[in-house]
Protein backbone atom coordinates (compact mmCIF):
# COMPACT_ATOMS: atom_id res chain seq x y z
CA VAL A 1 -1.17 -4.76 -1.74
CA LEU A 2 -4.20 -2.64 -1.16
CA VAL A 3 -5.51 -0.87 -4.29
CA HIS A 4 -8.25 1.67 -3.80
CA GLY A 5 -11.11 2.69 -6.21
CA TRP A 6 -11.42 5.77 -8.27
CA MET A 7 -12.95 8.03 -5.66
CA ASP A 8 -11.01 6.66 -2.63
CA MET A 9 -7.45 6.71 -1.24
CA SER A 10 -5.21 4.27 0.64
CA ALA A 11 -6.55 5.44 3.97
CA THR A 12 -9.86 3.87 2.95
CA TYR A 13 -8.40 0.40 4.05
CA GLN A 14 -7.22 1.61 7.44
CA PHE A 15 -10.07 -0.37 9.12
CA LEU A 16 -8.87 -3.52 7.48
CA VAL A 17 -5.25 -3.00 8.59
CA ASP A 18 -6.43 -2.30 12.18
CA ALA A 19 -8.55 -5.38 12.26
CA CYS A 20 -5.92 -7.87 11.02
CA ARG A 21 -3.39 -9.71 12.99
CA GLN A 22 0.07 -8.21 13.36
CA ASP A 23 1.84 -10.85 11.24
CA TRP A 24 0.34 -9.36 7.99
CA HIS A 25 2.40 -6.76 6.02
CA PHE A 26 0.28 -4.36 4.14
CA VAL A 27 1.18 -1.92 1.34
CA GLY A 28 -1.43 0.68 0.55
CA ILE A 29 -0.93 2.91 -2.46
CA ASP A 30 -2.53 6.21 -3.52
CA TRP A 31 -2.94 6.34 -7.20
CA ALA A 32 -1.58 9.57 -8.85
CA GLY A 33 -3.80 12.43 -7.92
CA HIS A 34 -5.39 10.65 -4.98
CA GLY A 35 -4.79 10.85 -1.22
CA GLN A 36 -1.18 12.01 -0.56
CA SER A 37 0.16 11.23 -3.99
CA GLU A 38 1.56 13.91 -6.26
CA ARG A 39 -0.50 15.28 -9.20
CA ARG A 40 0.48 14.60 -12.77
CA GLN A 41 -0.56 15.39 -16.39
CA SER A 42 -2.34 12.00 -17.08
CA TYR A 43 -4.71 10.05 -15.11
CA SER A 44 -5.27 7.20 -17.58
CA ILE A 45 -6.08 3.80 -16.27
CA TYR A 46 -3.22 2.57 -18.46
CA ASP A 47 -0.77 4.85 -16.49
CA PHE A 48 -2.20 3.44 -13.23
CA MET A 49 -1.57 -0.20 -14.34
CA VAL A 50 1.99 0.70 -15.39
CA ASP A 51 2.51 2.23 -11.89
CA LEU A 52 1.05 -1.05 -10.30
CA HIS A 53 3.26 -3.21 -12.36
CA PHE A 54 6.48 -1.38 -11.38
CA LEU A 55 5.38 -1.45 -7.71
CA LEU A 56 4.66 -5.22 -7.84
CA GLU A 57 8.03 -5.86 -9.53
CA HIS A 58 9.74 -3.86 -6.88
CA LEU A 59 7.99 -5.54 -4.00
CA SER A 60 8.14 -9.12 -5.22
CA PRO A 61 10.05 -9.57 -8.49
CA GLY A 62 8.65 -12.34 -10.49
CA GLU A 63 6.32 -13.63 -7.71
CA ALA A 64 2.56 -13.41 -7.23
CA VAL A 65 1.30 -10.71 -4.84
CA PRO A 66 -2.15 -10.69 -3.19
CA LEU A 67 -4.17 -7.75 -4.27
CA VAL A 68 -7.21 -6.30 -2.51
């Protein structure tokens, strides 16, 4: 799972995806209000962590997931 910084978006990691072998599966997210995501009322870091938690549970319930 590719997680971007405050002033970036998921497309920031495109170079990495292009450079890696085809046997990797990447998931790049846009935090709320960044890139192609929808806007919302709150942009608290705590809201972002809740979003990440639910994404990781959806992708790999109860298992570790590599984060970049």
